[in-house]
Amino acid sequence: MDCVHLIDDDPAVRKGLALLLETIGLKVYSFEGPTTFLAQLPHLAPGVVVLDMRMPVMSGLKLQEELQARNIAWPTVLITGHGDIDACRRAFRNGAVDFLTKPVDEQDLIDAIQRGQAMLTKAAQHEAEQADHRELLARLTPREREVLALVSQGLATKDIALALDLSPRTVESHRAALCTKLETTSVVEMTLIWRAAP
């Protein structure tokens, strides 16, 4: 989570920003343009993307949109020498963390990157949680999954029994199995786990 992908066609800007970010302990990967970055993308670790707005071949906004099209939700920080309100709006609609004008205030850039890192950390935690939930769900029989689906809708045992044409005692037995296999007696937690179902 402590890596930054820096994309700018100006070598002096790339070098200056990379030095700044490395002094605060970030691993910086520099790219001279979006094409180079996209070519390396499959081999890159998730990180905050810092990119220049105006570059030849593909603009920063176009690169943002390309990342979205590829379902890559890495936070982006756009830097521009030309403050453009419409471009700024588009950048934020595309999920930008910040939109900074040159010359970039060092602290503003660091703050924006740290916000992006926090977003990446939160997303990774959420994904790990979802994976744990899917693992728990994999333990269930098809009938237990049916019962869990109805439990998640807030149905009582007698209503579940009626819906599945089972006896209340059988439903209670399935509910007990759910508590064991899902490692919780909380209906709220069971519902959260059920929402991770593919």
N, C-alpha and C. Protein backbone atom coordinates (compact mmCIF):
# COMPACT_ATOMS: atom_id res chain seq x y z
N MET A 1 0.82 -1.21 0.00
CA MET A 1 0.00 0.00 0.00
C MET A 1 0.86 1.27 0.00
N ASP A 2 2.19 1.10 0.20
CA ASP A 2 3.03 2.29 0.30
C ASP A 2 3.74 2.57 -1.03
N CYS A 3 3.11 2.17 -2.15
CA CYS A 3 3.76 2.47 -3.42
C CYS A 3 2.94 3.47 -4.22
N VAL A 4 3.67 4.25 -5.02
CA VAL A 4 3.06 5.31 -5.82
C VAL A 4 3.50 5.10 -7.27
N HIS A 5 2.54 5.20 -8.18
CA HIS A 5 2.84 5.12 -9.61
C HIS A 5 2.77 6.55 -10.14
N LEU A 6 3.91 7.07 -10.54
CA LEU A 6 4.04 8.47 -10.97
C LEU A 6 4.14 8.54 -12.48
N ILE A 7 3.19 9.22 -13.11
CA ILE A 7 3.16 9.28 -14.57
C ILE A 7 3.17 10.73 -15.01
N ASP A 8 4.29 11.12 -15.66
CA ASP A 8 4.43 12.50 -16.14
C ASP A 8 5.43 12.49 -17.28
N ASP A 9 5.14 13.20 -18.35
CA ASP A 9 6.02 13.18 -19.51
C ASP A 9 7.23 14.12 -19.35
N ASP A 10 7.27 14.87 -18.27
CA ASP A 10 8.39 15.79 -18.01
C ASP A 10 9.39 15.11 -17.07
N PRO A 11 10.59 14.75 -17.57
CA PRO A 11 11.57 14.03 -16.74
C PRO A 11 11.94 14.78 -15.47
N ALA A 12 12.03 16.12 -15.54
CA ALA A 12 12.42 16.91 -14.36
C ALA A 12 11.34 16.82 -13.28
N VAL A 13 10.07 16.89 -13.69
CA VAL A 13 8.97 16.78 -12.73
C VAL A 13 8.96 15.39 -12.10
N ARG A 14 9.13 14.35 -12.95
CA ARG A 14 9.16 12.98 -12.44
C ARG A 14 10.26 12.80 -11.40
N LYS A 15 11.44 13.31 -11.74
CA LYS A 15 12.58 13.14 -10.83
C LYS A 15 12.35 13.88 -9.52
N GLY A 16 11.87 15.13 -9.60
CA GLY A 16 11.65 15.93 -8.40
C GLY A 16 10.60 15.33 -7.49
N LEU A 17 9.47 14.91 -8.08
CA LEU A 17 8.40 14.33 -7.26
C LEU A 17 8.81 12.97 -6.68
N ALA A 18 9.54 12.18 -7.48
CA ALA A 18 9.99 10.87 -6.98
C ALA A 18 10.91 11.05 -5.77
N LEU A 19 11.84 12.01 -5.86
CA LEU A 19 12.74 12.27 -4.73
C LEU A 19 11.97 12.69 -3.49
N LEU A 20 11.00 13.58 -3.68
CA LEU A 20 10.18 14.05 -2.56
C LEU A 20 9.48 12.87 -1.88
N LEU A 21 8.83 12.04 -2.69
CA LEU A 21 8.02 10.95 -2.13
C LEU A 21 8.88 9.85 -1.52
N GLU A 22 10.06 9.64 -2.08
CA GLU A 22 10.96 8.64 -1.49
C GLU A 22 11.49 9.08 -0.14
N THR A 23 11.61 10.40 0.08
CA THR A 23 12.11 10.89 1.38
C THR A 23 11.12 10.58 2.51
N ILE A 24 9.84 10.35 2.17
CA ILE A 24 8.88 10.00 3.23
C ILE A 24 8.59 8.49 3.25
N GLY A 25 9.49 7.73 2.59
CA GLY A 25 9.42 6.28 2.69
C GLY A 25 8.52 5.58 1.69
N LEU A 26 8.10 6.29 0.65
CA LEU A 26 7.25 5.65 -0.35
C LEU A 26 8.10 5.02 -1.45
N LYS A 27 7.63 3.91 -1.97
CA LYS A 27 8.27 3.27 -3.12
C LYS A 27 7.63 3.89 -4.36
N VAL A 28 8.44 4.55 -5.19
CA VAL A 28 7.91 5.26 -6.36
C VAL A 28 8.31 4.56 -7.65
N TYR A 29 7.30 4.29 -8.48
CA TYR A 29 7.53 3.74 -9.82
C TYR A 29 7.18 4.85 -10.81
N SER A 30 8.17 5.27 -11.61
CA SER A 30 7.96 6.39 -12.52
C SER A 30 7.75 5.91 -13.96
N PHE A 31 6.86 6.58 -14.65
CA PHE A 31 6.55 6.25 -16.04
C PHE A 31 6.50 7.55 -16.85
N GLU A 32 7.04 7.49 -18.07
CA GLU A 32 7.09 8.69 -18.90
C GLU A 32 5.76 9.01 -19.57
N GLY A 33 4.83 8.08 -19.49
CA GLY A 33 3.52 8.33 -20.08
C GLY A 33 2.56 7.20 -19.83
N PRO A 34 1.27 7.41 -20.12
CA PRO A 34 0.25 6.39 -19.89
C PRO A 34 0.49 5.07 -20.63
N THR A 35 1.05 5.15 -21.85
CA THR A 35 1.26 3.93 -22.63
C THR A 35 2.24 3.00 -21.91
N THR A 36 3.34 3.56 -21.42
CA THR A 36 4.33 2.77 -20.67
C THR A 36 3.71 2.19 -19.41
N PHE A 37 2.94 3.02 -18.71
CA PHE A 37 2.29 2.58 -17.47
C PHE A 37 1.33 1.42 -17.76
N LEU A 38 0.48 1.57 -18.77
CA LEU A 38 -0.50 0.53 -19.09
C LEU A 38 0.17 -0.77 -19.53
N ALA A 39 1.31 -0.66 -20.20
CA ALA A 39 2.04 -1.86 -20.62
C ALA A 39 2.54 -2.65 -19.40
N GLN A 40 2.91 -1.92 -18.33
CA GLN A 40 3.44 -2.56 -17.12
C GLN A 40 2.35 -2.93 -16.11
N LEU A 41 1.16 -2.43 -16.33
CA LEU A 41 0.07 -2.55 -15.36
C LEU A 41 -0.15 -3.97 -14.80
N PRO A 42 -0.15 -5.01 -15.64
CA PRO A 42 -0.39 -6.36 -15.09
C PRO A 42 0.63 -6.80 -14.06
N HIS A 43 1.81 -6.16 -14.06
CA HIS A 43 2.90 -6.58 -13.15
C HIS A 43 3.03 -5.66 -11.94
N LEU A 44 2.15 -4.67 -11.83
CA LEU A 44 2.29 -3.67 -10.77
C LEU A 44 1.44 -4.00 -9.55
N ALA A 45 1.98 -3.65 -8.39
CA ALA A 45 1.22 -3.78 -7.14
C ALA A 45 0.26 -2.60 -7.04
N PRO A 46 -0.86 -2.78 -6.35
CA PRO A 46 -1.78 -1.65 -6.16
C PRO A 46 -1.07 -0.48 -5.49
N GLY A 47 -1.41 0.72 -5.94
CA GLY A 47 -0.82 1.92 -5.35
C GLY A 47 -1.59 3.15 -5.77
N VAL A 48 -1.22 4.27 -5.21
CA VAL A 48 -1.82 5.54 -5.58
C VAL A 48 -1.19 5.98 -6.91
N VAL A 49 -2.02 6.43 -7.84
CA VAL A 49 -1.52 6.87 -9.15
C VAL A 49 -1.49 8.40 -9.17
N VAL A 50 -0.30 8.94 -9.35
CA VAL A 50 -0.13 10.39 -9.46
C VAL A 50 0.16 10.68 -10.92
N LEU A 51 -0.71 11.45 -11.58
CA LEU A 51 -0.51 11.64 -13.01
C LEU A 51 -0.75 13.07 -13.47
N ASP A 52 0.01 13.41 -14.49
CA ASP A 52 -0.13 14.72 -15.10
C ASP A 52 -1.40 14.72 -15.93
N MET A 53 -2.07 15.84 -15.95
CA MET A 53 -3.31 15.96 -16.70
C MET A 53 -3.08 15.98 -18.20
N ARG A 54 -2.08 16.76 -18.62
CA ARG A 54 -1.84 16.92 -20.07
C ARG A 54 -0.57 16.18 -20.46
N MET A 55 -0.78 15.10 -21.23
CA MET A 55 0.34 14.33 -21.75
C MET A 55 0.04 13.98 -23.20
N PRO A 56 1.09 13.78 -24.01
CA PRO A 56 0.85 13.38 -25.39
C PRO A 56 0.20 11.99 -25.44
N VAL A 57 -0.46 11.68 -26.50
CA VAL A 57 -1.11 10.39 -26.78
C VAL A 57 -2.36 10.19 -25.93
N MET A 58 -2.23 10.28 -24.61
CA MET A 58 -3.39 10.06 -23.72
C MET A 58 -3.32 11.02 -22.54
N SER A 59 -4.40 11.72 -22.27
CA SER A 59 -4.43 12.66 -21.14
C SER A 59 -4.60 11.89 -19.82
N GLY A 60 -4.36 12.60 -18.74
CA GLY A 60 -4.56 12.00 -17.42
C GLY A 60 -6.00 11.54 -17.21
N LEU A 61 -6.95 12.35 -17.69
CA LEU A 61 -8.37 11.98 -17.56
C LEU A 61 -8.68 10.70 -18.34
N LYS A 62 -8.12 10.60 -19.56
CA LYS A 62 -8.34 9.40 -20.38
C LYS A 62 -7.75 8.17 -19.70
N LEU A 63 -6.59 8.36 -19.07
CA LEU A 63 -5.97 7.23 -18.37
C LEU A 63 -6.84 6.81 -17.19
N GLN A 64 -7.36 7.79 -16.45
CA GLN A 64 -8.29 7.49 -15.35
C GLN A 64 -9.45 6.64 -15.86
N GLU A 65 -10.03 7.06 -16.98
CA GLU A 65 -11.18 6.34 -17.55
C GLU A 65 -10.79 4.94 -18.00
N GLU A 66 -9.57 4.81 -18.52
CA GLU A 66 -9.09 3.49 -18.95
C GLU A 66 -8.93 2.56 -17.75
N LEU A 67 -8.43 3.08 -16.64
CA LEU A 67 -8.31 2.27 -15.43
C LEU A 67 -9.69 1.82 -14.95
N GLN A 68 -10.65 2.73 -14.99
CA GLN A 68 -12.01 2.37 -14.61
C GLN A 68 -12.56 1.27 -15.50
N ALA A 69 -12.33 1.40 -16.81
CA ALA A 69 -12.81 0.41 -17.78
C ALA A 69 -12.22 -0.97 -17.49
N ARG A 70 -11.02 -0.98 -16.91
CA ARG A 70 -10.35 -2.25 -16.58
C ARG A 70 -10.67 -2.70 -15.15
N ASN A 71 -11.59 -2.01 -14.50
CA ASN A 71 -11.98 -2.32 -13.11
C ASN A 71 -10.81 -2.24 -12.13
N ILE A 72 -9.94 -1.27 -12.35
CA ILE A 72 -8.82 -1.04 -11.44
C ILE A 72 -9.13 0.22 -10.64
N ALA A 73 -9.47 0.01 -9.38
CA ALA A 73 -9.94 1.12 -8.55
C ALA A 73 -8.82 1.70 -7.69
N TRP A 74 -7.70 2.02 -8.31
CA TRP A 74 -6.60 2.63 -7.56
C TRP A 74 -6.86 4.13 -7.47
N PRO A 75 -6.66 4.70 -6.28
CA PRO A 75 -6.89 6.14 -6.13
C PRO A 75 -5.95 6.94 -7.03
N THR A 76 -6.46 8.03 -7.59
CA THR A 76 -5.64 8.86 -8.47
C THR A 76 -5.55 10.29 -7.95
N VAL A 77 -4.40 10.89 -8.16
CA VAL A 77 -4.17 12.30 -7.85
C VAL A 77 -3.74 12.94 -9.15
N LEU A 78 -4.50 13.91 -9.65
CA LEU A 78 -4.16 14.57 -10.91
C LEU A 78 -3.46 15.89 -10.65
N ILE A 79 -2.44 16.14 -11.48
CA ILE A 79 -1.67 17.37 -11.39
C ILE A 79 -1.80 18.10 -12.72
N THR A 80 -2.05 19.39 -12.67
CA THR A 80 -2.18 20.15 -13.91
C THR A 80 -1.56 21.53 -13.80
N GLY A 81 -1.08 22.01 -14.94
CA GLY A 81 -0.58 23.38 -14.99
C GLY A 81 -1.68 24.34 -15.40
N HIS A 82 -2.84 23.77 -15.77
CA HIS A 82 -3.96 24.58 -16.25
C HIS A 82 -5.21 24.21 -15.46
N GLY A 83 -5.59 25.05 -14.50
CA GLY A 83 -6.79 24.77 -13.70
C GLY A 83 -8.03 24.86 -14.57
N ASP A 84 -8.72 23.76 -14.73
CA ASP A 84 -9.88 23.67 -15.60
C ASP A 84 -11.01 23.07 -14.78
N ILE A 85 -12.06 23.85 -14.53
CA ILE A 85 -13.14 23.39 -13.65
C ILE A 85 -13.83 22.15 -14.20
N ASP A 86 -14.09 22.12 -15.51
CA ASP A 86 -14.75 20.94 -16.10
C ASP A 86 -13.88 19.69 -15.95
N ALA A 87 -12.58 19.86 -16.20
CA ALA A 87 -11.66 18.73 -16.06
C ALA A 87 -11.61 18.26 -14.61
N CYS A 88 -11.63 19.23 -13.71
CA CYS A 88 -11.62 18.92 -12.27
C CYS A 88 -12.84 18.10 -11.89
N ARG A 89 -14.01 18.53 -12.38
CA ARG A 89 -15.25 17.79 -12.11
C ARG A 89 -15.15 16.36 -12.64
N ARG A 90 -14.67 16.23 -13.88
CA ARG A 90 -14.54 14.90 -14.48
C ARG A 90 -13.60 14.02 -13.67
N ALA A 91 -12.51 14.61 -13.22
CA ALA A 91 -11.52 13.85 -12.44
C ALA A 91 -12.16 13.30 -11.16
N PHE A 92 -12.93 14.14 -10.47
CA PHE A 92 -13.57 13.68 -9.23
C PHE A 92 -14.66 12.66 -9.51
N ARG A 93 -15.38 12.84 -10.62
CA ARG A 93 -16.39 11.84 -11.01
C ARG A 93 -15.74 10.48 -11.28
N ASN A 94 -14.51 10.53 -11.79
CA ASN A 94 -13.78 9.30 -12.09
C ASN A 94 -13.05 8.75 -10.87
N GLY A 95 -13.26 9.35 -9.71
CA GLY A 95 -12.70 8.81 -8.47
C GLY A 95 -11.39 9.42 -8.02
N ALA A 96 -11.06 10.61 -8.50
CA ALA A 96 -9.80 11.24 -8.07
C ALA A 96 -9.84 11.57 -6.58
N VAL A 97 -8.70 11.42 -5.94
CA VAL A 97 -8.56 11.80 -4.53
C VAL A 97 -8.39 13.31 -4.43
N ASP A 98 -7.61 13.85 -5.39
CA ASP A 98 -7.37 15.30 -5.40
C ASP A 98 -6.96 15.74 -6.80
N PHE A 99 -7.05 17.04 -7.00
CA PHE A 99 -6.73 17.67 -8.28
C PHE A 99 -5.86 18.87 -7.93
N LEU A 100 -4.57 18.77 -8.20
CA LEU A 100 -3.62 19.79 -7.74
C LEU A 100 -3.04 20.57 -8.91
N THR A 101 -2.82 21.87 -8.70
CA THR A 101 -2.25 22.70 -9.77
C THR A 101 -0.74 22.90 -9.54
N LYS A 102 -0.02 23.00 -10.65
CA LYS A 102 1.42 23.26 -10.60
C LYS A 102 1.66 24.75 -10.37
N PRO A 103 2.72 25.13 -9.64
CA PRO A 103 3.63 24.22 -8.94
C PRO A 103 2.93 23.56 -7.75
N VAL A 104 3.14 22.27 -7.62
CA VAL A 104 2.42 21.49 -6.60
C VAL A 104 2.98 21.79 -5.21
N ASP A 105 2.07 22.07 -4.29
CA ASP A 105 2.46 22.23 -2.89
C ASP A 105 2.82 20.84 -2.36
N GLU A 106 4.03 20.68 -1.85
CA GLU A 106 4.52 19.37 -1.43
C GLU A 106 3.61 18.72 -0.39
N GLN A 107 3.20 19.51 0.60
CA GLN A 107 2.37 18.95 1.67
C GLN A 107 1.00 18.53 1.14
N ASP A 108 0.44 19.32 0.22
CA ASP A 108 -0.85 18.95 -0.38
C ASP A 108 -0.75 17.61 -1.11
N LEU A 109 0.36 17.42 -1.82
CA LEU A 109 0.56 16.17 -2.55
C LEU A 109 0.70 15.00 -1.58
N ILE A 110 1.50 15.18 -0.55
CA ILE A 110 1.70 14.11 0.44
C ILE A 110 0.37 13.77 1.12
N ASP A 111 -0.40 14.80 1.49
CA ASP A 111 -1.71 14.57 2.13
C ASP A 111 -2.64 13.79 1.20
N ALA A 112 -2.66 14.17 -0.08
CA ALA A 112 -3.53 13.50 -1.04
C ALA A 112 -3.14 12.03 -1.19
N ILE A 113 -1.83 11.78 -1.27
CA ILE A 113 -1.36 10.40 -1.41
C ILE A 113 -1.72 9.58 -0.18
N GLN A 114 -1.58 10.19 1.00
CA GLN A 114 -1.93 9.47 2.23
C GLN A 114 -3.42 9.14 2.29
N ARG A 115 -4.25 10.06 1.79
CA ARG A 115 -5.69 9.76 1.72
C ARG A 115 -5.95 8.59 0.76
N GLY A 116 -5.23 8.60 -0.36
CA GLY A 116 -5.35 7.50 -1.31
C GLY A 116 -4.92 6.17 -0.72
N GLN A 117 -3.82 6.20 0.06
CA GLN A 117 -3.33 4.98 0.71
C GLN A 117 -4.36 4.44 1.70
N ALA A 118 -5.00 5.36 2.43
CA ALA A 118 -6.04 4.94 3.39
C ALA A 118 -7.19 4.26 2.65
N MET A 119 -7.54 4.79 1.47
CA MET A 119 -8.60 4.18 0.67
C MET A 119 -8.21 2.78 0.20
N LEU A 120 -6.96 2.63 -0.22
CA LEU A 120 -6.49 1.31 -0.66
C LEU A 120 -6.50 0.30 0.49
N THR A 121 -6.07 0.75 1.66
CA THR A 121 -6.05 -0.12 2.84
C THR A 121 -7.46 -0.59 3.18
N LYS A 122 -8.39 0.37 3.16
CA LYS A 122 -9.79 0.04 3.48
C LYS A 122 -10.36 -0.96 2.46
N ALA A 123 -10.06 -0.73 1.19
CA ALA A 123 -10.55 -1.63 0.13
C ALA A 123 -9.97 -3.04 0.30
N ALA A 124 -8.68 -3.11 0.66
CA ALA A 124 -8.04 -4.42 0.85
C ALA A 124 -8.64 -5.15 2.04
N GLN A 125 -8.92 -4.40 3.12
CA GLN A 125 -9.55 -5.01 4.30
C GLN A 125 -10.94 -5.54 3.96
N HIS A 126 -11.69 -4.75 3.18
CA HIS A 126 -13.04 -5.15 2.77
C HIS A 126 -12.97 -6.43 1.92
N GLU A 127 -12.02 -6.48 1.01
CA GLU A 127 -11.87 -7.65 0.13
C GLU A 127 -11.51 -8.88 0.95
N ALA A 128 -10.61 -8.71 1.95
CA ALA A 128 -10.21 -9.83 2.81
C ALA A 128 -11.41 -10.34 3.61
N GLU A 129 -12.22 -9.40 4.10
CA GLU A 129 -13.43 -9.75 4.85
C GLU A 129 -14.40 -10.53 3.97
N GLN A 130 -14.59 -10.05 2.73
CA GLN A 130 -15.49 -10.72 1.79
C GLN A 130 -14.99 -12.13 1.48
N ALA A 131 -13.68 -12.28 1.34
CA ALA A 131 -13.09 -13.61 1.06
C ALA A 131 -13.34 -14.55 2.24
N ASP A 132 -13.20 -14.02 3.46
CA ASP A 132 -13.48 -14.84 4.66
C ASP A 132 -14.94 -15.27 4.68
N HIS A 133 -15.83 -14.35 4.33
CA HIS A 133 -17.25 -14.67 4.32
C HIS A 133 -17.57 -15.73 3.27
N ARG A 134 -16.95 -15.60 2.10
CA ARG A 134 -17.20 -16.61 1.04
C ARG A 134 -16.71 -17.98 1.48
N GLU A 135 -15.60 -17.98 2.23
CA GLU A 135 -15.06 -19.24 2.74
C GLU A 135 -16.04 -19.90 3.73
N LEU A 136 -16.64 -19.08 4.59
CA LEU A 136 -17.63 -19.60 5.53
C LEU A 136 -18.86 -20.13 4.79
N LEU A 137 -19.30 -19.40 3.78
CA LEU A 137 -20.48 -19.83 3.01
C LEU A 137 -20.24 -21.15 2.30
N ALA A 138 -19.01 -21.39 1.91
CA ALA A 138 -18.68 -22.63 1.19
C ALA A 138 -18.90 -23.87 2.06
N ARG A 139 -18.97 -23.68 3.37
CA ARG A 139 -19.18 -24.80 4.30
C ARG A 139 -20.64 -25.28 4.31
N LEU A 140 -21.54 -24.44 3.82
CA LEU A 140 -22.97 -24.73 3.96
C LEU A 140 -23.50 -25.67 2.89
N THR A 141 -24.50 -26.45 3.28
CA THR A 141 -25.21 -27.30 2.31
C THR A 141 -26.18 -26.40 1.54
N PRO A 142 -26.68 -26.86 0.38
CA PRO A 142 -27.67 -26.06 -0.36
C PRO A 142 -28.88 -25.68 0.49
N ARG A 143 -29.38 -26.60 1.32
CA ARG A 143 -30.55 -26.32 2.16
C ARG A 143 -30.21 -25.25 3.21
N GLU A 144 -29.01 -25.34 3.80
CA GLU A 144 -28.60 -24.34 4.79
C GLU A 144 -28.49 -22.96 4.15
N ARG A 145 -28.05 -22.92 2.90
CA ARG A 145 -27.98 -21.64 2.19
C ARG A 145 -29.38 -21.07 1.98
N GLU A 146 -30.34 -21.93 1.68
CA GLU A 146 -31.74 -21.47 1.53
C GLU A 146 -32.26 -20.89 2.83
N VAL A 147 -31.97 -21.58 3.93
CA VAL A 147 -32.41 -21.10 5.24
C VAL A 147 -31.73 -19.77 5.56
N LEU A 148 -30.43 -19.69 5.30
CA LEU A 148 -29.68 -18.45 5.57
C LEU A 148 -30.26 -17.28 4.76
N ALA A 149 -30.61 -17.53 3.51
CA ALA A 149 -31.18 -16.46 2.67
C ALA A 149 -32.44 -15.90 3.32
N LEU A 150 -33.27 -16.76 3.89
CA LEU A 150 -34.52 -16.32 4.52
C LEU A 150 -34.26 -15.69 5.90
N VAL A 151 -33.30 -16.23 6.63
CA VAL A 151 -32.90 -15.63 7.91
C VAL A 151 -32.43 -14.19 7.65
N SER A 152 -31.67 -14.01 6.57
CA SER A 152 -31.14 -12.68 6.22
C SER A 152 -32.24 -11.68 5.86
N GLN A 153 -33.39 -12.20 5.47
CA GLN A 153 -34.53 -11.33 5.17
C GLN A 153 -35.35 -11.02 6.42
N GLY A 154 -34.92 -11.58 7.56
CA GLY A 154 -35.60 -11.29 8.82
C GLY A 154 -36.77 -12.20 9.12
N LEU A 155 -36.90 -13.31 8.39
CA LEU A 155 -38.03 -14.22 8.62
C LEU A 155 -37.84 -15.04 9.89
N ALA A 156 -38.93 -15.28 10.59
CA ALA A 156 -38.92 -16.11 11.80
C ALA A 156 -38.91 -17.58 11.38
N THR A 157 -38.60 -18.45 12.35
CA THR A 157 -38.50 -19.89 12.08
C THR A 157 -39.78 -20.44 11.44
N LYS A 158 -40.95 -20.06 11.97
CA LYS A 158 -42.21 -20.61 11.42
C LYS A 158 -42.44 -20.15 9.98
N ASP A 159 -42.02 -18.92 9.67
CA ASP A 159 -42.17 -18.42 8.29
C ASP A 159 -41.21 -19.12 7.34
N ILE A 160 -40.01 -19.40 7.83
CA ILE A 160 -39.04 -20.13 7.01
C ILE A 160 -39.55 -21.55 6.76
N ALA A 161 -40.09 -22.16 7.81
CA ALA A 161 -40.64 -23.52 7.68
C ALA A 161 -41.73 -23.55 6.62
N LEU A 162 -42.60 -22.55 6.66
CA LEU A 162 -43.69 -22.47 5.69
C LEU A 162 -43.15 -22.26 4.27
N ALA A 163 -42.18 -21.36 4.14
CA ALA A 163 -41.63 -21.04 2.81
C ALA A 163 -40.90 -22.23 2.18
N LEU A 164 -40.24 -23.04 3.02
CA LEU A 164 -39.44 -24.15 2.49
C LEU A 164 -40.14 -25.51 2.64
N ASP A 165 -41.38 -25.47 3.17
CA ASP A 165 -42.16 -26.70 3.37
C ASP A 165 -41.40 -27.68 4.27
N LEU A 166 -40.93 -27.13 5.40
CA LEU A 166 -40.21 -27.92 6.39
C LEU A 166 -40.91 -27.77 7.74
N SER A 167 -40.57 -28.65 8.67
CA SER A 167 -41.11 -28.48 10.03
C SER A 167 -40.28 -27.43 10.75
N PRO A 168 -40.89 -26.70 11.70
CA PRO A 168 -40.11 -25.72 12.47
C PRO A 168 -38.90 -26.34 13.15
N ARG A 169 -39.04 -27.60 13.60
CA ARG A 169 -37.92 -28.26 14.27
C ARG A 169 -36.74 -28.45 13.30
N THR A 170 -37.05 -28.80 12.05
CA THR A 170 -35.98 -28.97 11.05
C THR A 170 -35.30 -27.63 10.77
N VAL A 171 -36.11 -26.57 10.70
CA VAL A 171 -35.53 -25.24 10.48
C VAL A 171 -34.61 -24.87 11.64
N GLU A 172 -35.05 -25.14 12.86
CA GLU A 172 -34.22 -24.85 14.03
C GLU A 172 -32.90 -25.63 13.97
N SER A 173 -32.99 -26.84 13.48
CA SER A 173 -31.78 -27.67 13.34
C SER A 173 -30.82 -27.03 12.33
N HIS A 174 -31.38 -26.54 11.21
CA HIS A 174 -30.55 -25.87 10.20
C HIS A 174 -29.96 -24.57 10.77
N ARG A 175 -30.76 -23.85 11.56
CA ARG A 175 -30.28 -22.59 12.15
C ARG A 175 -29.12 -22.87 13.10
N ALA A 176 -29.22 -23.96 13.86
CA ALA A 176 -28.14 -24.34 14.78
C ALA A 176 -26.87 -24.66 13.98
N ALA A 177 -27.04 -25.35 12.85
CA ALA A 177 -25.89 -25.68 12.01
C ALA A 177 -25.26 -24.40 11.44
N LEU A 178 -26.11 -23.43 11.09
CA LEU A 178 -25.61 -22.16 10.58
C LEU A 178 -24.74 -21.46 11.61
N CYS A 179 -25.23 -21.45 12.86
CA CYS A 179 -24.47 -20.80 13.94
C CYS A 179 -23.08 -21.43 14.08
N THR A 180 -23.03 -22.75 13.98
CA THR A 180 -21.76 -23.46 14.12
C THR A 180 -20.84 -23.18 12.93
N LYS A 181 -21.39 -23.35 11.73
CA LYS A 181 -20.55 -23.23 10.53
C LYS A 181 -20.13 -21.79 10.22
N LEU A 182 -21.00 -20.84 10.57
CA LEU A 182 -20.67 -19.43 10.31
C LEU A 182 -19.98 -18.77 11.50
N GLU A 183 -19.87 -19.53 12.58
CA GLU A 183 -19.16 -19.08 13.78
C GLU A 183 -19.77 -17.81 14.38
N THR A 184 -21.09 -17.72 14.34
CA THR A 184 -21.78 -16.58 14.95
C THR A 184 -23.22 -16.94 15.26
N THR A 185 -23.77 -16.31 16.30
CA THR A 185 -25.19 -16.47 16.60
C THR A 185 -25.96 -15.21 16.22
N SER A 186 -25.25 -14.22 15.72
CA SER A 186 -25.85 -12.93 15.40
C SER A 186 -26.48 -12.95 14.00
N VAL A 187 -27.77 -12.61 13.95
CA VAL A 187 -28.45 -12.54 12.65
C VAL A 187 -27.84 -11.45 11.78
N VAL A 188 -27.42 -10.34 12.40
CA VAL A 188 -26.79 -9.25 11.65
C VAL A 188 -25.51 -9.74 10.98
N GLU A 189 -24.68 -10.45 11.73
CA GLU A 189 -23.44 -10.98 11.16
C GLU A 189 -23.72 -12.00 10.07
N MET A 190 -24.73 -12.84 10.30
CA MET A 190 -25.10 -13.83 9.28
C MET A 190 -25.53 -13.13 7.99
N THR A 191 -26.26 -12.04 8.15
CA THR A 191 -26.71 -11.28 6.97
C THR A 191 -25.52 -10.69 6.22
N LEU A 192 -24.55 -10.16 6.95
CA LEU A 192 -23.34 -9.62 6.31
C LEU A 192 -22.59 -10.71 5.54
N ILE A 193 -22.53 -11.89 6.15
CA ILE A 193 -21.86 -13.02 5.49
C ILE A 193 -22.62 -13.41 4.24
N TRP A 194 -23.96 -13.46 4.33
CA TRP A 194 -24.79 -13.84 3.19
C TRP A 194 -24.60 -12.87 2.02
N ARG A 195 -24.39 -11.60 2.33
CA ARG A 195 -24.22 -10.60 1.26
C ARG A 195 -22.93 -10.81 0.47
N ALA A 196 -22.02 -11.62 1.02
CA ALA A 196 -20.78 -11.92 0.29
C ALA A 196 -20.98 -13.06 -0.69
N ALA A 197 -22.20 -13.64 -0.69
CA ALA A 197 -22.47 -14.78 -1.59
C ALA A 197 -22.30 -14.36 -3.04
N PRO A 198 -21.64 -15.21 -3.85
CA PRO A 198 -21.44 -14.88 -5.27
C PRO A 198 -22.76 -14.92 -6.03
